[in-house]
Amino acid sequence: MVGDVEFVGQFPIGGPDRWRQIIDNLAHLVATLDRSFVPEVEAILGPSPEWFQPETAG
């Protein structure tokens, strides 16, 4: 049960095209958070410690 909604089974995601759409949407969400949310957190808490080296694609 999540909130007032009971999940009794898995959601049928579909085929490869639907998976691609899901991945594209998640990539867009992450990029948006990197541009907005991360700078807001760093403005409040300061930058990450020097020892923290996140992996980047590229």
Protein backbone atom coordinates (compact mmCIF):
# COMPACT_ATOMS: atom_id res chain seq x y z
CA MET A 1 0.00 0.00 0.00
CA VAL A 2 1.37 3.40 -1.00
CA GLY A 3 -0.74 6.23 0.35
CA ASP A 4 -4.31 5.19 -0.36
CA VAL A 5 -3.37 3.12 -3.43
CA GLU A 6 -2.85 -0.63 -3.22
CA PHE A 7 -0.50 -2.15 -5.78
CA VAL A 8 -1.46 -5.75 -6.41
CA GLY A 9 0.85 -6.50 -9.34
CA GLN A 10 3.50 -5.16 -11.61
CA PHE A 11 2.79 -2.42 -14.12
CA PRO A 12 3.19 -3.72 -17.69
CA ILE A 13 5.91 -1.46 -19.09
CA GLY A 14 5.81 -2.72 -22.65
CA GLY A 15 8.37 -3.22 -25.36
CA PRO A 16 11.68 -1.62 -26.32
CA ASP A 17 10.12 1.65 -27.50
CA ARG A 18 8.43 2.16 -24.16
CA TRP A 19 11.69 1.36 -22.31
CA ARG A 20 13.51 3.95 -24.45
CA GLN A 21 10.86 6.55 -23.55
CA ILE A 22 11.26 5.76 -19.84
CA ILE A 23 15.07 6.04 -20.06
CA ASP A 24 14.86 9.31 -21.99
CA ASN A 25 12.46 10.74 -19.40
CA LEU A 26 14.75 9.71 -16.53
CA ALA A 27 17.77 11.23 -18.30
CA HIS A 28 15.87 14.51 -18.71
CA LEU A 29 14.87 14.46 -15.03
CA VAL A 30 18.47 13.90 -13.89
CA ALA A 31 19.77 16.67 -16.17
CA THR A 32 17.15 19.07 -14.82
CA LEU A 33 18.03 18.24 -11.22
CA ASP A 34 21.75 18.68 -11.97
CA ARG A 35 21.03 22.20 -13.27
CA SER A 36 18.64 23.30 -10.52
CA PHE A 37 18.56 21.14 -7.39
CA VAL A 38 22.28 20.44 -6.98
CA PRO A 39 23.30 24.13 -7.12
CA GLU A 40 20.58 24.98 -4.58
CA VAL A 41 21.85 22.31 -2.19
CA GLU A 42 25.47 23.43 -2.66
CA ALA A 43 24.44 27.05 -2.01
CA ILE A 44 23.01 25.98 1.35
CA LEU A 45 25.49 23.28 2.40
CA GLY A 46 28.61 24.20 0.46
CA PRO A 47 30.45 22.13 -2.12
CA SER A 48 31.14 18.41 -1.84
CA PRO A 49 34.23 17.35 0.11
CA GLU A 50 37.45 17.22 -1.93
CA TRP A 51 37.65 13.43 -1.53
CA PHE A 52 34.28 12.96 -3.29
CA GLN A 53 34.83 12.34 -7.00
CA PRO A 54 31.53 11.38 -8.68
CA GLU A 55 31.75 9.35 -11.84
CA THR A 56 30.71 11.20 -14.97
CA ALA A 57 29.72 9.89 -18.37
CA GLY A 58 31.89 11.02 -21.18
